[in-house]
């Protein structure tokens, strides 16, 4: 009996300590960890979210932001959300495939017709449904952040048509969908860690890679690759997540404030991303990179069989629904 009483008291103290870590000192402080540096548009948007949340709540609610993976990797931060020791984090929608299988829809090439179609889906019923799809895993989406479109870039020769990819070793994420996409275009997909890519390009381990313009410029890949093709094969958003173990402890008013601040930060981040993309394009051109506009329909036709071969019923249904969005 004494042992049971001690165990019960210890558990109560543990629960109380978890609550005060989130709500200590009379001010509710939510802890947010992510892996980006402080100059990234997503981090800057989070700083704006912190300011807005303090304004909306009259200083009663705030956010402590921990950038540059000081609280762990993207996966580790998600795991901390699941156990309730971390309130919020940023993740790529691609990383959410393990929690919400339907999220893999973003990894398929040429799902969106143009920017307007993309944002109509993201800001509409489909996007909201996907944000809420991880509740059974203790994860709730608050908003999306723009991570741009992914494009091909190469060292020795430009990619003007899908046929130009034939035989080229192209670095891709370690993603079955990304690998399948490059194969469908005739290339040789080569998964390599992002941090090792510059060396791989310089040494000729791969002939090119694919990513957005800001990542291309920030990581100085323009020093090695002088051809950048605006084919826009995929567009995978980032997401701001909150732990439902934390969210469910917040009163409705606080939830409203947090959601409003997050939504406003998303709008702000999109503006920052557009500016950064334009600056990255100019920087690349200043460094001698040629940027090519291409017929994306030709690329889309090459990978169309990937859409027809989707086996996951929920993803197949989503692809059809997205295509119907005006």
Protein backbone atom coordinates (compact mmCIF):
# COMPACT_ATOMS: atom_id res chain seq x y z
CA UNK A 1 0.00 0.00 0.00
CA UNK A 2 2.81 2.40 0.91
CA UNK A 3 4.51 1.59 -2.38
CA UNK A 4 1.32 2.36 -4.28
CA UNK A 5 0.94 5.69 -2.47
CA UNK A 6 4.54 6.65 -3.26
CA UNK A 7 4.11 5.70 -6.93
CA UNK A 8 0.87 7.69 -7.17
CA UNK A 9 2.48 10.74 -5.58
CA UNK A 10 5.47 10.50 -7.89
CA UNK A 11 3.22 10.27 -10.95
CA UNK A 12 1.24 13.32 -9.79
CA UNK A 13 4.46 15.29 -9.40
CA UNK A 14 5.54 14.23 -12.88
CA UNK A 15 2.27 15.39 -14.44
CA UNK A 16 2.42 18.68 -12.52
CA UNK A 17 6.00 19.27 -13.70
CA UNK A 18 4.94 18.66 -17.31
CA UNK A 19 2.15 21.24 -16.98
CA UNK A 20 4.32 23.86 -15.33
CA UNK A 21 7.01 23.41 -17.99
CA UNK A 22 4.40 24.61 -20.44
CA UNK A 23 2.55 27.01 -18.20
CA UNK A 24 5.06 28.15 -15.64
CA UNK A 25 5.52 31.53 -14.03
CA UNK A 26 1.97 32.70 -14.64
CA UNK A 27 2.66 33.02 -18.38
CA UNK A 28 1.92 30.22 -20.80
CA UNK A 29 5.13 29.53 -22.73
CA UNK A 30 5.02 27.08 -25.63
CA UNK A 31 8.31 25.50 -26.67
CA UNK A 32 8.98 25.28 -30.42
CA UNK A 33 11.96 23.45 -31.91
CA UNK A 34 13.04 23.17 -35.55
CA UNK A 35 16.10 22.43 -37.68
CA UNK A 36 16.38 25.61 -39.76
CA UNK A 37 18.81 28.48 -39.26
CA UNK A 38 17.66 31.87 -38.02
CA UNK A 39 17.92 33.48 -41.46
CA UNK A 40 15.42 31.10 -43.02
CA UNK A 41 11.98 32.54 -43.94
CA UNK A 42 10.24 29.89 -41.84
CA UNK A 43 12.17 30.90 -38.71
CA UNK A 44 11.46 34.56 -39.40
CA UNK A 45 7.77 33.71 -39.75
CA UNK A 46 7.88 31.91 -36.42
CA UNK A 47 9.35 35.02 -34.82
CA UNK A 48 6.42 36.97 -36.27
CA UNK A 49 4.05 34.33 -34.86
CA UNK A 50 5.59 34.78 -31.40
CA UNK A 51 5.07 38.55 -31.59
CA UNK A 52 1.48 38.23 -32.76
CA UNK A 53 0.64 35.66 -30.11
CA UNK A 54 1.93 37.96 -27.39
CA UNK A 55 -0.10 40.85 -28.87
CA UNK A 56 -3.30 38.79 -29.16
CA UNK A 57 -2.98 37.40 -25.63
CA UNK A 58 -1.89 40.63 -23.97
CA UNK A 59 1.41 39.01 -23.02
CA UNK A 60 -0.16 36.02 -21.27
CA UNK A 61 0.98 33.53 -23.92
CA UNK A 62 4.38 33.34 -25.61
CA UNK A 63 6.65 30.98 -27.55
CA UNK A 64 10.26 29.99 -26.93
CA UNK A 65 11.84 29.16 -30.30
CA UNK A 66 14.83 26.79 -30.54
CA UNK A 67 16.28 26.79 -34.10
CA UNK A 68 19.15 24.94 -35.79
CA UNK A 69 18.18 21.50 -34.43
CA UNK A 70 19.33 22.31 -30.89
CA UNK A 71 16.42 20.20 -29.61
CA UNK A 72 17.07 17.39 -32.07
CA UNK A 73 16.47 16.39 -35.67
CA UNK A 74 13.15 16.76 -37.46
CA UNK A 75 12.18 13.20 -36.54
CA UNK A 76 13.28 13.65 -32.93
CA UNK A 77 11.22 16.82 -32.59
CA UNK A 78 8.15 15.03 -33.93
CA UNK A 79 8.70 12.27 -31.38
CA UNK A 80 8.91 14.91 -28.63
CA UNK A 81 5.56 16.29 -29.79
CA UNK A 82 4.09 12.82 -29.54
CA UNK A 83 5.14 12.43 -25.91
CA UNK A 84 4.15 16.00 -25.05
CA UNK A 85 7.60 17.25 -24.03
CA UNK A 86 7.67 19.73 -26.95
CA UNK A 87 4.75 21.88 -28.01
CA UNK A 88 5.49 22.69 -31.67
CA UNK A 89 7.82 21.93 -34.55
CA UNK A 90 8.25 22.42 -38.29
CA UNK A 91 8.40 19.45 -40.63
CA UNK A 92 8.30 18.76 -44.33
CA UNK A 93 5.06 17.21 -45.52
CA UNK A 94 7.24 14.45 -47.01
CA UNK A 95 8.42 13.47 -43.53
CA UNK A 96 4.79 13.16 -42.44
CA UNK A 97 4.18 10.25 -44.81
CA UNK A 98 5.14 7.85 -42.02
CA UNK A 99 2.36 9.29 -39.85
CA UNK A 100 -0.21 10.28 -42.46
CA UNK A 101 0.17 8.05 -45.56
CA UNK A 102 -2.00 10.42 -47.61
CA UNK A 103 0.75 13.06 -47.30
CA UNK A 104 2.70 11.13 -49.94
CA UNK A 105 0.44 12.83 -52.49
CA UNK A 106 2.80 15.85 -52.38
CA UNK A 107 5.74 13.69 -53.46
CA UNK A 108 4.16 12.78 -56.79
CA UNK A 109 5.31 14.93 -59.73
CA UNK A 110 3.05 17.43 -61.47
CA UNK A 111 0.12 17.12 -59.11
CA UNK A 112 -0.55 20.87 -59.34
CA UNK A 113 -1.26 22.77 -62.55
CA UNK A 114 0.18 26.10 -61.36
CA UNK A 115 0.68 28.29 -58.28
CA UNK A 116 -3.00 29.22 -58.08
CA UNK A 117 -4.06 25.59 -58.16
CA UNK A 118 -1.49 24.69 -55.50
CA UNK A 119 -2.64 27.34 -53.03
CA UNK A 120 -6.31 26.62 -53.71
CA UNK A 121 -5.66 23.05 -52.59
CA UNK A 122 -3.41 23.98 -49.65
CA UNK A 123 -5.76 26.66 -48.30
CA UNK A 124 -8.91 24.71 -49.02
CA UNK A 125 -10.76 21.72 -47.62
CA UNK A 126 -8.17 19.19 -48.80
CA UNK A 127 -5.26 21.01 -47.19
CA UNK A 128 -7.15 21.45 -43.91
CA UNK A 129 -8.14 17.79 -43.86
CA UNK A 130 -4.52 16.75 -44.22
CA UNK A 131 -3.48 19.11 -41.41
CA UNK A 132 -5.85 17.27 -39.08
CA UNK A 133 -4.91 13.80 -40.31
CA UNK A 134 -2.34 13.04 -37.61
CA UNK A 135 -4.47 13.44 -34.50
CA UNK A 136 -4.38 9.72 -33.76
CA UNK A 137 -0.57 10.10 -33.66
CA UNK A 138 -0.84 13.10 -31.25
CA UNK A 139 0.04 15.54 -34.05
CA UNK A 140 -2.11 18.46 -35.18
CA UNK A 141 -1.25 20.71 -38.10
CA UNK A 142 -1.61 24.47 -37.61
CA UNK A 143 -0.57 25.82 -41.01
CA UNK A 144 1.57 25.29 -44.09
CA UNK A 145 4.75 27.14 -45.03
CA UNK A 146 5.96 27.56 -48.59
CA UNK A 147 8.97 25.42 -49.49
CA UNK A 148 8.87 26.24 -53.20
CA UNK A 149 8.98 24.01 -56.25
CA UNK A 150 11.77 21.53 -56.91
CA UNK A 151 13.74 21.77 -60.15
CA UNK A 152 16.63 19.95 -61.85
CA UNK A 153 20.12 21.44 -62.05
CA UNK A 154 23.22 20.01 -63.69
CA UNK A 155 26.97 20.46 -64.17
CA UNK A 156 27.79 19.92 -67.81
CA UNK A 157 24.71 20.22 -69.98
CA UNK A 158 21.26 21.79 -69.57
CA UNK A 159 18.02 19.87 -69.09
CA UNK A 160 15.64 21.29 -71.68
CA UNK A 161 13.52 18.17 -72.26
CA UNK A 162 12.96 14.96 -70.28
CA UNK A 163 15.19 13.12 -72.78
CA UNK A 164 18.14 15.22 -71.59
CA UNK A 165 17.99 13.30 -68.30
CA UNK A 166 18.77 9.97 -69.96
CA UNK A 167 21.80 8.35 -68.36
CA UNK A 168 22.44 11.22 -65.95
CA UNK A 169 23.15 10.44 -62.31
CA UNK A 170 20.80 12.71 -60.40
CA UNK A 171 20.88 13.16 -56.65
CA UNK A 172 17.44 12.65 -55.08
CA UNK A 173 16.04 12.40 -51.58
CA UNK A 174 15.91 8.86 -50.20
CA UNK A 175 12.28 8.65 -51.28
CA UNK A 176 10.75 5.83 -53.35
CA UNK A 177 8.60 8.37 -55.21
CA UNK A 178 11.55 10.64 -56.06
CA UNK A 179 13.58 7.64 -57.22
CA UNK A 180 10.72 6.40 -59.38
CA UNK A 181 10.25 9.86 -60.91
CA UNK A 182 13.86 10.18 -62.12
CA UNK A 183 13.77 6.62 -63.47
CA UNK A 184 10.61 7.43 -65.42
CA UNK A 185 12.50 10.27 -67.12
CA UNK A 186 15.41 8.00 -68.02
CA UNK A 187 17.83 9.23 -65.37
CA UNK A 188 19.79 7.29 -62.77
CA UNK A 189 18.49 8.37 -59.33
CA UNK A 190 21.21 8.50 -56.70
CA UNK A 191 20.18 9.07 -53.06
CA UNK A 192 22.85 11.10 -51.25
CA UNK A 193 22.66 12.94 -47.93
CA UNK A 194 22.08 16.67 -48.47
CA UNK A 195 25.20 17.63 -46.51
CA UNK A 196 27.35 15.47 -48.80
CA UNK A 197 25.88 16.73 -52.07
CA UNK A 198 28.28 19.61 -52.77
CA UNK A 199 31.26 17.24 -52.67
CA UNK A 200 29.41 14.64 -54.73
CA UNK A 201 28.72 17.24 -57.43
CA UNK A 202 32.27 18.59 -57.38
CA UNK A 203 33.81 15.11 -57.58
CA UNK A 204 31.45 13.92 -60.32
CA UNK A 205 29.74 11.29 -58.21
CA UNK A 206 26.50 12.71 -59.60
CA UNK A 207 25.83 14.85 -62.68
CA UNK A 208 23.14 16.97 -61.06
CA UNK A 209 20.47 17.24 -58.43
CA UNK A 210 17.02 18.72 -57.81
CA UNK A 211 15.78 21.25 -55.29
CA UNK A 212 14.36 24.76 -54.97
CA UNK A 213 16.27 27.91 -55.93
CA UNK A 214 16.94 29.17 -52.38
CA UNK A 215 18.50 25.84 -51.38
CA UNK A 216 20.57 25.81 -54.58
CA UNK A 217 21.97 29.28 -53.87
CA UNK A 218 22.28 29.09 -50.08
CA UNK A 219 24.40 25.94 -50.37
CA UNK A 220 26.52 27.44 -53.19
CA UNK A 221 25.75 24.65 -55.63
CA UNK A 222 26.03 27.36 -58.30
CA UNK A 223 29.80 27.02 -57.89
CA UNK A 224 29.58 23.56 -59.47
CA UNK A 225 26.33 23.49 -61.46
CA UNK A 226 25.83 26.18 -64.10
CA UNK A 227 22.52 24.93 -65.55
CA UNK A 228 19.22 25.33 -63.66
CA UNK A 229 15.96 24.14 -65.24
CA UNK A 230 12.61 25.50 -64.06
CA UNK A 231 10.64 22.29 -64.57
CA UNK A 232 8.86 22.43 -61.18
CA UNK A 233 8.32 18.68 -60.88
CA UNK A 234 7.17 18.63 -57.26
CA UNK A 235 5.95 21.11 -54.67
CA UNK A 236 6.10 19.81 -51.10
CA UNK A 237 5.07 22.25 -48.35
CA UNK A 238 6.44 22.55 -44.84
CA UNK A 239 4.02 22.20 -41.93
CA UNK A 240 3.79 23.68 -38.46
CA UNK A 241 2.72 20.99 -36.01
CA UNK A 242 1.50 21.15 -32.43
CA UNK A 243 1.35 18.28 -29.98
CA UNK A 244 -2.26 17.35 -29.22
CA UNK A 245 -1.11 16.51 -25.69
CA UNK A 246 -0.30 20.22 -25.32
CA UNK A 247 -3.10 21.57 -27.53
CA UNK A 248 -5.83 19.73 -25.64
CA UNK A 249 -4.70 21.36 -22.38
CA UNK A 250 -5.20 24.84 -23.80
CA UNK A 251 -8.50 26.64 -23.26
CA UNK A 252 -10.53 27.52 -26.41
CA UNK A 253 -9.49 31.20 -26.32
CA UNK A 254 -5.79 30.31 -26.21
CA UNK A 255 -6.27 27.79 -29.02
CA UNK A 256 -7.86 30.54 -31.10
CA UNK A 257 -4.95 32.91 -30.44
CA UNK A 258 -2.36 30.27 -31.34
CA UNK A 259 -4.18 29.32 -34.52
CA UNK A 260 -4.60 32.95 -35.61
CA UNK A 261 -0.92 33.73 -34.98
CA UNK A 262 0.12 30.61 -36.92
CA UNK A 263 -2.15 31.44 -39.86
CA UNK A 264 -0.81 35.00 -40.05
CA UNK A 265 2.77 33.69 -39.89
CA UNK A 266 2.02 31.46 -42.89
CA UNK A 267 0.90 34.45 -44.97
CA UNK A 268 4.01 36.40 -43.94
CA UNK A 269 6.33 33.48 -44.72
CA UNK A 270 4.96 33.11 -48.24
CA UNK A 271 5.88 36.73 -48.96
CA UNK A 272 9.37 36.19 -47.56
CA UNK A 273 9.80 33.03 -49.65
CA UNK A 274 8.89 34.82 -52.88
CA UNK A 275 11.44 37.53 -52.13
CA UNK A 276 14.12 34.97 -51.24
CA UNK A 277 13.45 32.96 -54.40
CA UNK A 278 13.84 36.04 -56.59
CA UNK A 279 17.08 36.97 -54.81
CA UNK A 280 18.38 33.40 -55.14
CA UNK A 281 17.68 33.41 -58.89
CA UNK A 282 19.55 36.70 -59.29
CA UNK A 283 22.48 35.46 -57.22
CA UNK A 284 22.70 32.27 -59.30
CA UNK A 285 22.72 34.27 -62.53
CA UNK A 286 25.36 36.62 -61.13
CA UNK A 287 27.48 33.52 -60.49
CA UNK A 288 27.23 32.46 -64.12
CA UNK A 289 24.26 30.09 -63.92
CA UNK A 290 21.86 29.93 -66.87
CA UNK A 291 18.23 29.46 -65.84
CA UNK A 292 16.04 27.71 -68.41
CA UNK A 293 12.29 27.96 -68.92
CA UNK A 294 10.95 24.67 -70.32
CA UNK A 295 7.76 23.00 -71.53
CA UNK A 296 6.64 21.34 -68.31
CA UNK A 297 3.91 19.43 -70.15
CA UNK A 298 6.58 17.29 -71.77
CA UNK A 299 7.99 16.39 -68.36
CA UNK A 300 4.53 15.73 -66.94
CA UNK A 301 3.70 13.30 -69.75
CA UNK A 302 6.83 11.29 -69.00
CA UNK A 303 5.77 10.65 -65.40
CA UNK A 304 2.01 10.36 -65.99
CA UNK A 305 2.16 6.54 -65.60
CA UNK A 306 3.21 7.07 -61.98
CA UNK A 307 -0.21 8.59 -61.23
CA UNK A 308 -2.01 5.77 -62.99
CA UNK A 309 -0.07 3.15 -61.00
CA UNK A 310 -0.80 4.52 -57.51
CA UNK A 311 -1.77 1.59 -55.28
CA UNK A 312 -2.66 3.48 -52.09
CA UNK A 313 -6.41 4.03 -52.31
CA UNK A 314 -6.42 7.19 -50.17
CA UNK A 315 -3.64 8.77 -52.26
CA UNK A 316 -5.36 7.83 -55.50
CA UNK A 317 -8.59 9.41 -54.24
CA UNK A 318 -6.72 12.57 -53.23
CA UNK A 319 -5.07 12.88 -56.65
CA UNK A 320 -8.52 12.81 -58.26
CA UNK A 321 -9.89 15.35 -55.79
CA UNK A 322 -6.94 17.70 -56.31
CA UNK A 323 -7.35 17.51 -60.07
CA UNK A 324 -10.96 18.65 -59.68
CA UNK A 325 -10.05 21.76 -57.66
CA UNK A 326 -10.47 24.89 -59.78
